[in-house]
Amino acid sequence: MFTAHSATALGSRGIRVNAVLPTSTETGLTFDFAVMSGGRESLESRAGLIQRLATPEEMADPVVFLNSHAARYISGQPLMVDFGARNLQLLGRTADSLDRPLIGNAQAARS
């Protein structure tokens, strides 16, 4: 909603607003996230169709595109950069990791 609202509010001034929704990406914190998730294999198993973490370049390229002349008529869009992982969730083939509260117990929130 923030992206859509911002794009609507700023569009008349020629300002485009978009959002990149990244998948798990190889960063300096990857080791820490792997430890928290039960190992690197566990982290990669949740990476969707390709079963590996994205590279920083794979996350940067869509940002470069959205800020380029080629995307001059795109505004208010969330761009999911996850190699199709969200499609698996939408088709019911994996648990929907977006369907849970950010804080607290997911079961309690549904009750």
Protein backbone atom coordinates (compact mmCIF):
# COMPACT_ATOMS: atom_id res chain seq x y z
CA MET A 1 0.00 0.00 0.00
CA PHE A 2 2.85 2.40 0.76
CA THR A 3 4.21 2.06 -2.76
CA ALA A 4 0.80 2.60 -4.37
CA HIS A 5 0.00 5.55 -2.12
CA SER A 6 3.39 7.18 -2.70
CA ALA A 7 3.18 6.67 -6.46
CA THR A 8 -0.28 8.23 -6.51
CA ALA A 9 0.75 11.17 -4.34
CA LEU A 10 3.95 11.92 -6.28
CA GLY A 11 3.00 10.94 -9.81
CA SER A 12 1.67 14.38 -10.77
CA ARG A 13 5.17 15.74 -10.10
CA GLY A 14 6.75 13.15 -12.40
CA ILE A 15 8.16 11.11 -9.54
CA ARG A 16 7.95 7.35 -9.94
CA VAL A 17 7.80 5.05 -6.91
CA ASN A 18 8.33 1.30 -7.12
CA ALA A 19 9.42 -1.41 -4.69
CA VAL A 20 11.71 -4.40 -5.10
CA LEU A 21 10.68 -7.45 -3.04
CA PRO A 22 13.83 -9.55 -2.93
CA THR A 23 14.37 -13.19 -2.11
CA SER A 24 17.11 -14.40 0.21
CA THR A 25 20.35 -12.97 -1.08
CA GLU A 26 23.99 -13.81 -0.49
CA THR A 27 25.31 -11.07 1.80
CA GLY A 28 27.72 -10.60 4.66
CA LEU A 29 24.97 -11.81 7.00
CA THR A 30 24.26 -15.06 5.15
CA PHE A 31 26.20 -17.16 7.65
CA ASP A 32 24.18 -15.72 10.56
CA PHE A 33 20.86 -16.32 8.78
CA ALA A 34 21.95 -19.88 7.96
CA VAL A 35 22.70 -20.55 11.63
CA MET A 36 19.29 -19.17 12.65
CA SER A 37 17.46 -21.27 10.06
CA GLY A 38 19.22 -24.54 10.84
CA GLY A 39 22.02 -24.51 8.28
CA ARG A 40 22.71 -23.26 4.80
CA GLU A 41 20.82 -26.17 3.22
CA SER A 42 17.69 -25.15 5.13
CA LEU A 43 18.10 -21.56 3.99
CA GLU A 44 18.57 -22.60 0.35
CA SER A 45 15.66 -25.04 0.47
CA ARG A 46 13.33 -22.08 0.97
CA ALA A 47 14.77 -20.24 -2.03
CA GLY A 48 12.04 -21.43 -4.38
CA LEU A 49 12.51 -22.97 -7.78
CA ILE A 50 16.25 -22.49 -8.11
CA GLN A 51 17.20 -23.70 -4.59
CA ARG A 52 20.03 -21.21 -4.12
CA LEU A 53 20.46 -17.74 -2.76
CA ALA A 54 20.43 -14.83 -5.16
CA THR A 55 23.62 -12.94 -5.83
CA PRO A 56 23.83 -9.24 -5.00
CA GLU A 57 24.03 -8.55 -8.74
CA GLU A 58 20.77 -10.42 -9.33
CA MET A 59 19.09 -8.08 -6.85
CA ALA A 60 20.82 -4.96 -8.18
CA ASP A 61 19.88 -5.48 -11.85
CA PRO A 62 16.11 -5.00 -11.31
CA VAL A 63 16.83 -1.86 -9.29
CA VAL A 64 18.97 -0.51 -12.13
CA PHE A 65 16.17 -1.35 -14.57
CA LEU A 66 13.49 0.40 -12.49
CA ASN A 67 15.69 3.50 -12.36
CA SER A 68 16.42 3.45 -16.08
CA HIS A 69 14.75 5.13 -19.04
CA ALA A 70 13.38 1.71 -20.04
CA ALA A 71 11.09 1.78 -16.97
CA ARG A 72 9.97 5.39 -17.38
CA TYR A 73 6.28 4.44 -17.51
CA ILE A 74 6.32 2.07 -14.53
CA SER A 75 5.18 3.44 -11.19
CA GLY A 76 3.45 2.09 -8.11
CA GLN A 77 4.57 -1.47 -8.73
CA PRO A 78 5.99 -4.02 -6.31
CA LEU A 79 8.48 -6.12 -8.28
CA MET A 80 9.00 -9.55 -6.78
CA VAL A 81 12.54 -10.72 -7.52
CA ASP A 82 12.49 -14.32 -6.32
CA PHE A 83 12.93 -16.61 -9.35
CA GLY A 84 9.30 -17.67 -9.10
CA ALA A 85 9.26 -18.68 -5.42
CA ARG A 86 6.04 -16.76 -4.80
CA ASN A 87 4.37 -18.73 -7.60
CA LEU A 88 4.97 -21.93 -5.63
CA GLN A 89 3.17 -20.36 -2.69
CA LEU A 90 0.28 -19.08 -4.80
CA LEU A 91 -0.17 -22.54 -6.31
CA GLY A 92 -0.18 -24.12 -2.86
CA ARG A 93 3.01 -26.10 -3.40
CA THR A 94 4.83 -24.56 -0.41
CA ALA A 95 3.79 -22.81 2.78
CA ASP A 96 3.03 -19.15 2.26
CA SER A 97 5.74 -17.36 4.21
CA LEU A 98 4.01 -14.02 3.62
CA ASP A 99 0.86 -15.18 5.44
CA ARG A 100 2.08 -14.74 8.99
CA PRO A 101 2.53 -11.96 11.49
CA LEU A 102 5.91 -10.29 11.69
CA ILE A 103 5.95 -10.66 15.47
CA GLY A 104 4.43 -13.35 17.65
CA ASN A 105 2.89 -16.77 17.19
CA ALA A 106 1.28 -17.41 13.80
CA GLN A 107 -1.29 -19.87 15.24
CA ALA A 108 -2.35 -17.45 17.97
CA ALA A 109 -2.80 -14.67 15.42
CA ARG A 110 -5.21 -16.83 13.37
CA SER A 111 -7.31 -17.80 16.41
